[in-house]
Amino acid sequence: MSGEATYYRVESETQTVNDARLQEQSGEILGKPARFSDIPKVKAFVGRLTPGIRGVEFTTDTPPDAHCPPGHAYWSGPRDGVEVSQGCARIRARVLKNTQTP
């Protein structure tokens, strides 16, 4: 992946240690619908992880959706680079940093 933009997800109920491990191993980031929505989306922040914050930092060649709020990136589909199946959106990504591992 040679995408120039860097994104990150912070450890949470929806970004667990196990999720981070699977993202590194599979090269995919998955996302479910946000609360009160039925549209599956991969959700992330734009930029790099702040030192001391647990999460994953990644890059992808798939551009985020247009009109995301400042500092946020979403990928919904189906569209080029975004697969939707079984209620999840999925993008190919390369994890650059995983600070969720012990």
Foldseek 3Di string as FASTA:
>chain_A
DPAPWKWKDFDDPQFALVQLVCCQVVQKAKFADDPPDQFAKRKTFTDDDDPPTFTWMKGAPDAFDPPDPHRMGIHTDDDVQWDDDPRMIMGGIHTPDGRNDD
